[in-house]
Amino acid sequence: MDEKEKAQIEEEARHDVADRDRRSAAIRRYLWVSERRAIEENEKDVAPEPTPGPGT
């Protein structure tokens, strides 16, 4: 393998790593947003504390 082939392989590897990093960042953002949305929905669904009635 000559230097030109080696440089080409290294460049392709760098592009692959950069592409994977961009995808993983997008996936992390997606998961974070969906988790926040689920937390907000759960907080809205929490039943209010029952108030004591006249008999208690």
PDB file of N, CA and C in Angstrom:
ATOM      1  N   MET A   1       0.863  -1.172   0.000  1.00  0.00           N
ATOM      2  CA  MET A   1       0.000   0.000   0.000  1.00  0.00           C
ATOM      3  C   MET A   1       0.909   1.235   0.000  1.00  0.00           C
ATOM      4  N   ASP A   2       0.687   2.077  -0.965  1.00  0.00           N
ATOM      5  CA  ASP A   2       1.514   3.280  -1.033  1.00  0.00           C
ATOM      6  C   ASP A   2       0.888   4.405  -0.200  1.00  0.00           C
ATOM      7  N   GLU A   3       1.594   5.497  -0.100  1.00  0.00           N
ATOM      8  CA  GLU A   3       1.166   6.620   0.743  1.00  0.00           C
ATOM      9  C   GLU A   3      -0.151   7.235   0.268  1.00  0.00           C
ATOM     10  N   LYS A   4      -0.361   7.264  -1.039  1.00  0.00           N
ATOM     11  CA  LYS A   4      -1.588   7.858  -1.583  1.00  0.00           C
ATOM     12  C   LYS A   4      -2.804   7.033  -1.167  1.00  0.00           C
ATOM     13  N   GLU A   5      -2.702   5.715  -1.271  1.00  0.00           N
ATOM     14  CA  GLU A   5      -3.804   4.847  -0.860  1.00  0.00           C
ATOM     15  C   GLU A   5      -4.055   4.972   0.641  1.00  0.00           C
ATOM     16  N   LYS A   6      -2.982   5.006   1.398  1.00  0.00           N
ATOM     17  CA  LYS A   6      -3.100   5.128   2.849  1.00  0.00           C
ATOM     18  C   LYS A   6      -3.790   6.435   3.229  1.00  0.00           C
ATOM     19  N   ALA A   7      -3.424   7.526   2.582  1.00  0.00           N
ATOM     20  CA  ALA A   7      -4.042   8.827   2.855  1.00  0.00           C
ATOM     21  C   ALA A   7      -5.521   8.812   2.488  1.00  0.00           C
ATOM     22  N   GLN A   8      -5.865   8.158   1.388  1.00  0.00           N
ATOM     23  CA  GLN A   8      -7.262   8.080   0.964  1.00  0.00           C
ATOM     24  C   GLN A   8      -8.084   7.280   1.975  1.00  0.00           C
ATOM     25  N   ILE A   9      -7.546   6.168   2.450  1.00  0.00           N
ATOM     26  CA  ILE A   9      -8.247   5.349   3.440  1.00  0.00           C
ATOM     27  C   ILE A   9      -8.435   6.130   4.739  1.00  0.00           C
ATOM     28  N   GLU A  10      -7.407   6.841   5.168  1.00  0.00           N
ATOM     29  CA  GLU A  10      -7.510   7.645   6.388  1.00  0.00           C
ATOM     30  C   GLU A  10      -8.550   8.750   6.237  1.00  0.00           C
ATOM     31  N   GLU A  11      -8.607   9.369   5.069  1.00  0.00           N
ATOM     32  CA  GLU A  11      -9.597  10.424   4.829  1.00  0.00           C
ATOM     33  C   GLU A  11     -11.013   9.853   4.878  1.00  0.00           C
ATOM     34  N   GLU A  12     -11.224   8.700   4.256  1.00  0.00           N
ATOM     35  CA  GLU A  12     -12.543   8.068   4.295  1.00  0.00           C
ATOM     36  C   GLU A  12     -12.924   7.711   5.732  1.00  0.00           C
ATOM     37  N   ALA A  13     -11.958   7.230   6.493  1.00  0.00           N
ATOM     38  CA  ALA A  13     -12.227   6.888   7.890  1.00  0.00           C
ATOM     39  C   ALA A  13     -12.614   8.129   8.684  1.00  0.00           C
ATOM     40  N   ARG A  14     -11.919   9.247   8.451  1.00  0.00           N
ATOM     41  CA  ARG A  14     -12.265  10.493   9.146  1.00  0.00           C
ATOM     42  C   ARG A  14     -13.674  10.949   8.791  1.00  0.00           C
ATOM     43  N   HIS A  15     -14.046  10.828   7.515  1.00  0.00           N
ATOM     44  CA  HIS A  15     -15.397  11.210   7.094  1.00  0.00           C
ATOM     45  C   HIS A  15     -16.442  10.314   7.756  1.00  0.00           C
ATOM     46  N   ASP A  16     -16.158   9.016   7.833  1.00  0.00           N
ATOM     47  CA  ASP A  16     -17.096   8.097   8.476  1.00  0.00           C
ATOM     48  C   ASP A  16     -17.287   8.439   9.950  1.00  0.00           C
ATOM     49  N   VAL A  17     -16.196   8.724  10.632  1.00  0.00           N
ATOM     50  CA  VAL A  17     -16.277   9.067  12.052  1.00  0.00           C
ATOM     51  C   VAL A  17     -17.053  10.366  12.238  1.00  0.00           C
ATOM     52  N   ALA A  18     -16.794  11.355  11.412  1.00  0.00           N
ATOM     53  CA  ALA A  18     -17.505  12.636  11.514  1.00  0.00           C
ATOM     54  C   ALA A  18     -18.989  12.445  11.242  1.00  0.00           C
ATOM     55  N   ASP A  19     -19.320  11.618  10.265  1.00  0.00           N
ATOM     56  CA  ASP A  19     -20.724  11.363   9.939  1.00  0.00           C
ATOM     57  C   ASP A  19     -21.423  10.670  11.101  1.00  0.00           C
ATOM     58  N   ARG A  20     -20.777   9.680  11.699  1.00  0.00           N
ATOM     59  CA  ARG A  20     -21.359   8.988  12.852  1.00  0.00           C
ATOM     60  C   ARG A  20     -21.541   9.948  14.013  1.00  0.00           C
ATOM     61  N   ASP A  21     -20.600  10.841  14.217  1.00  0.00           N
ATOM     62  CA  ASP A  21     -20.699  11.798  15.316  1.00  0.00           C
ATOM     63  C   ASP A  21     -21.883  12.732  15.117  1.00  0.00           C
ATOM     64  N   ARG A  22     -22.100  13.186  13.886  1.00  0.00           N
ATOM     65  CA  ARG A  22     -23.252  14.056  13.609  1.00  0.00           C
ATOM     66  C   ARG A  22     -24.555  13.313  13.864  1.00  0.00           C
ATOM     67  N   ARG A  23     -24.628  12.064  13.437  1.00  0.00           N
ATOM     68  CA  ARG A  23     -25.853  11.287  13.656  1.00  0.00           C
ATOM     69  C   ARG A  23     -26.094  11.060  15.134  1.00  0.00           C
ATOM     70  N   SER A  24     -25.051  10.729  15.874  1.00  0.00           N
ATOM     71  CA  SER A  24     -25.237  10.457  17.298  1.00  0.00           C
ATOM     72  C   SER A  24     -25.655  11.732  18.032  1.00  0.00           C
ATOM     73  N   ALA A  25     -25.160  12.887  17.609  1.00  0.00           N
ATOM     74  CA  ALA A  25     -25.581  14.144  18.230  1.00  0.00           C
ATOM     75  C   ALA A  25     -27.058  14.397  17.948  1.00  0.00           C
ATOM     76  N   ALA A  26     -27.494  14.121  16.734  1.00  0.00           N
ATOM     77  CA  ALA A  26     -28.905  14.309  16.389  1.00  0.00           C
ATOM     78  C   ALA A  26     -29.780  13.345  17.175  1.00  0.00           C
ATOM     79  N   ILE A  27     -29.319  12.125  17.337  1.00  0.00           N
ATOM     80  CA  ILE A  27     -30.086  11.140  18.097  1.00  0.00           C
ATOM     81  C   ILE A  27     -30.169  11.558  19.561  1.00  0.00           C
ATOM     82  N   ARG A  28     -29.045  12.041  20.114  1.00  0.00           N
ATOM     83  CA  ARG A  28     -29.070  12.514  21.507  1.00  0.00           C
ATOM     84  C   ARG A  28     -30.068  13.640  21.679  1.00  0.00           C
ATOM     85  N   ARG A  29     -30.094  14.614  20.748  1.00  0.00           N
ATOM     86  CA  ARG A  29     -31.061  15.717  20.836  1.00  0.00           C
ATOM     87  C   ARG A  29     -32.487  15.196  20.750  1.00  0.00           C
ATOM     88  N   TYR A  30     -32.741  14.263  19.833  1.00  0.00           N
ATOM     89  CA  TYR A  30     -34.080  13.700  19.673  1.00  0.00           C
ATOM     90  C   TYR A  30     -34.523  13.008  20.962  1.00  0.00           C
ATOM     91  N   LEU A  31     -33.652  12.188  21.535  1.00  0.00           N
ATOM     92  CA  LEU A  31     -34.005  11.477  22.760  1.00  0.00           C
ATOM     93  C   LEU A  31     -34.220  12.446  23.915  1.00  0.00           C
ATOM     94  N   TRP A  32     -33.399  13.489  24.005  1.00  0.00           N
ATOM     95  CA  TRP A  32     -33.550  14.459  25.078  1.00  0.00           C
ATOM     96  C   TRP A  32     -34.890  15.181  24.961  1.00  0.00           C
ATOM     97  N   VAL A  33     -35.236  15.597  23.742  1.00  0.00           N
ATOM     98  CA  VAL A  33     -36.501  16.312  23.531  1.00  0.00           C
ATOM     99  C   VAL A  33     -37.679  15.401  23.845  1.00  0.00           C
ATOM    100  N   SER A  34     -37.633  14.158  23.390  1.00  0.00           N
ATOM    101  CA  SER A  34     -38.750  13.252  23.653  1.00  0.00           C
ATOM    102  C   SER A  34     -38.857  12.943  25.145  1.00  0.00           C
ATOM    103  N   GLU A  35     -37.733  12.847  25.840  1.00  0.00           N
ATOM    104  CA  GLU A  35     -37.765  12.616  27.280  1.00  0.00           C
ATOM    105  C   GLU A  35     -38.365  13.819  28.000  1.00  0.00           C
ATOM    106  N   ARG A  36     -37.949  15.031  27.612  1.00  0.00           N
ATOM    107  CA  ARG A  36     -38.512  16.237  28.232  1.00  0.00           C
ATOM    108  C   ARG A  36     -40.017  16.321  27.989  1.00  0.00           C
ATOM    109  N   ARG A  37     -40.449  15.981  26.771  1.00  0.00           N
ATOM    110  CA  ARG A  37     -41.873  16.019  26.447  1.00  0.00           C
ATOM    111  C   ARG A  37     -42.641  15.023  27.317  1.00  0.00           C
ATOM    112  N   ALA A  38     -42.096  13.831  27.508  1.00  0.00           N
ATOM    113  CA  ALA A  38     -42.750  12.826  28.343  1.00  0.00           C
ATOM    114  C   ALA A  38     -42.819  13.295  29.793  1.00  0.00           C
ATOM    115  N   ILE A  39     -41.760  13.920  30.281  1.00  0.00           N
ATOM    116  CA  ILE A  39     -41.757  14.425  31.655  1.00  0.00           C
ATOM    117  C   ILE A  39     -42.819  15.502  31.819  1.00  0.00           C
ATOM    118  N   GLU A  40     -42.913  16.420  30.867  1.00  0.00           N
ATOM    119  CA  GLU A  40     -43.914  17.489  30.950  1.00  0.00           C
ATOM    120  C   GLU A  40     -45.326  16.923  30.911  1.00  0.00           C
ATOM    121  N   GLU A  41     -45.563  15.914  30.055  1.00  0.00           N
ATOM    122  CA  GLU A  41     -46.889  15.301  29.994  1.00  0.00           C
ATOM    123  C   GLU A  41     -47.219  14.606  31.308  1.00  0.00           C
ATOM    124  N   ASN A  42     -46.244  13.933  31.899  1.00  0.00           N
ATOM    125  CA  ASN A  42     -46.487  13.257  33.177  1.00  0.00           C
ATOM    126  C   ASN A  42     -46.761  14.258  34.284  1.00  0.00           C
ATOM    127  N   GLU A  43     -46.082  15.386  34.267  1.00  0.00           N
ATOM    128  CA  GLU A  43     -46.317  16.396  35.294  1.00  0.00           C
ATOM    129  C   GLU A  43     -47.720  16.981  35.165  1.00  0.00           C
ATOM    130  N   LYS A  44     -48.229  17.100  33.958  1.00  0.00           N
ATOM    131  CA  LYS A  44     -49.586  17.614  33.758  1.00  0.00           C
ATOM    132  C   LYS A  44     -50.627  16.603  34.213  1.00  0.00           C
ATOM    133  N   ASP A  45     -50.294  15.303  34.127  1.00  0.00           N
ATOM    134  CA  ASP A  45     -51.247  14.253  34.469  1.00  0.00           C
ATOM    135  C   ASP A  45     -51.309  13.958  35.964  1.00  0.00           C
ATOM    136  N   VAL A  46     -50.468  14.586  36.762  1.00  0.00           N
ATOM    137  CA  VAL A  46     -50.449  14.320  38.196  1.00  0.00           C
ATOM    138  C   VAL A  46     -51.748  14.830  38.798  1.00  0.00           C
ATOM    139  N   ALA A  47     -52.403  13.964  39.580  1.00  0.00           N
ATOM    140  CA  ALA A  47     -53.668  14.342  40.211  1.00  0.00           C
ATOM    141  C   ALA A  47     -53.387  15.319  41.348  1.00  0.00           C
ATOM    142  N   PRO A  48     -54.247  16.313  41.525  1.00  0.00           N
ATOM    143  CA  PRO A  48     -54.039  17.257  42.627  1.00  0.00           C
ATOM    144  C   PRO A  48     -54.263  16.566  43.975  1.00  0.00           C
ATOM    145  N   GLU A  49     -53.664  17.117  44.999  1.00  0.00           N
ATOM    146  CA  GLU A  49     -53.836  16.569  46.344  1.00  0.00           C
ATOM    147  C   GLU A  49     -55.314  16.659  46.733  1.00  0.00           C
ATOM    148  N   PRO A  50     -55.852  15.584  47.290  1.00  0.00           N
ATOM    149  CA  PRO A  50     -57.265  15.655  47.699  1.00  0.00           C
ATOM    150  C   PRO A  50     -57.427  16.612  48.884  1.00  0.00           C
ATOM    151  N   THR A  51     -58.465  17.401  48.813  1.00  0.00           N
ATOM    152  CA  THR A  51     -58.737  18.330  49.914  1.00  0.00           C
ATOM    153  C   THR A  51     -59.619  17.618  50.929  1.00  0.00           C
ATOM    154  N   PRO A  52     -59.390  17.880  52.182  1.00  0.00           N
ATOM    155  CA  PRO A  52     -60.221  17.216  53.200  1.00  0.00           C
ATOM    156  C   PRO A  52     -61.677  17.664  53.071  1.00  0.00           C
ATOM    157  N   GLY A  53     -62.550  16.685  53.123  1.00  0.00           N
ATOM    158  CA  GLY A  53     -63.980  16.981  53.013  1.00  0.00           C
ATOM    159  C   GLY A  53     -64.548  17.443  54.344  1.00  0.00           C
ATOM    160  N   PRO A  54     -65.819  17.798  54.369  1.00  0.00           N
ATOM    161  CA  PRO A  54     -66.425  18.301  55.604  1.00  0.00           C
ATOM    162  C   PRO A  54     -66.509  17.231  56.694  1.00  0.00           C
ATOM    163  N   GLY A  55     -66.461  15.947  56.339  1.00  0.00           N
ATOM    164  CA  GLY A  55     -66.600  14.896  57.346  1.00  0.00           C
ATOM    165  C   GLY A  55     -65.289  14.476  57.970  1.00  0.00           C
ATOM    166  N   THR A  56     -64.158  15.039  57.562  1.00  0.00           N
ATOM    167  CA  THR A  56     -62.887  14.582  58.136  1.00  0.00           C
ATOM    168  C   THR A  56     -62.277  15.571  59.059  1.00  0.00           C
TER     169      THR A  56
END
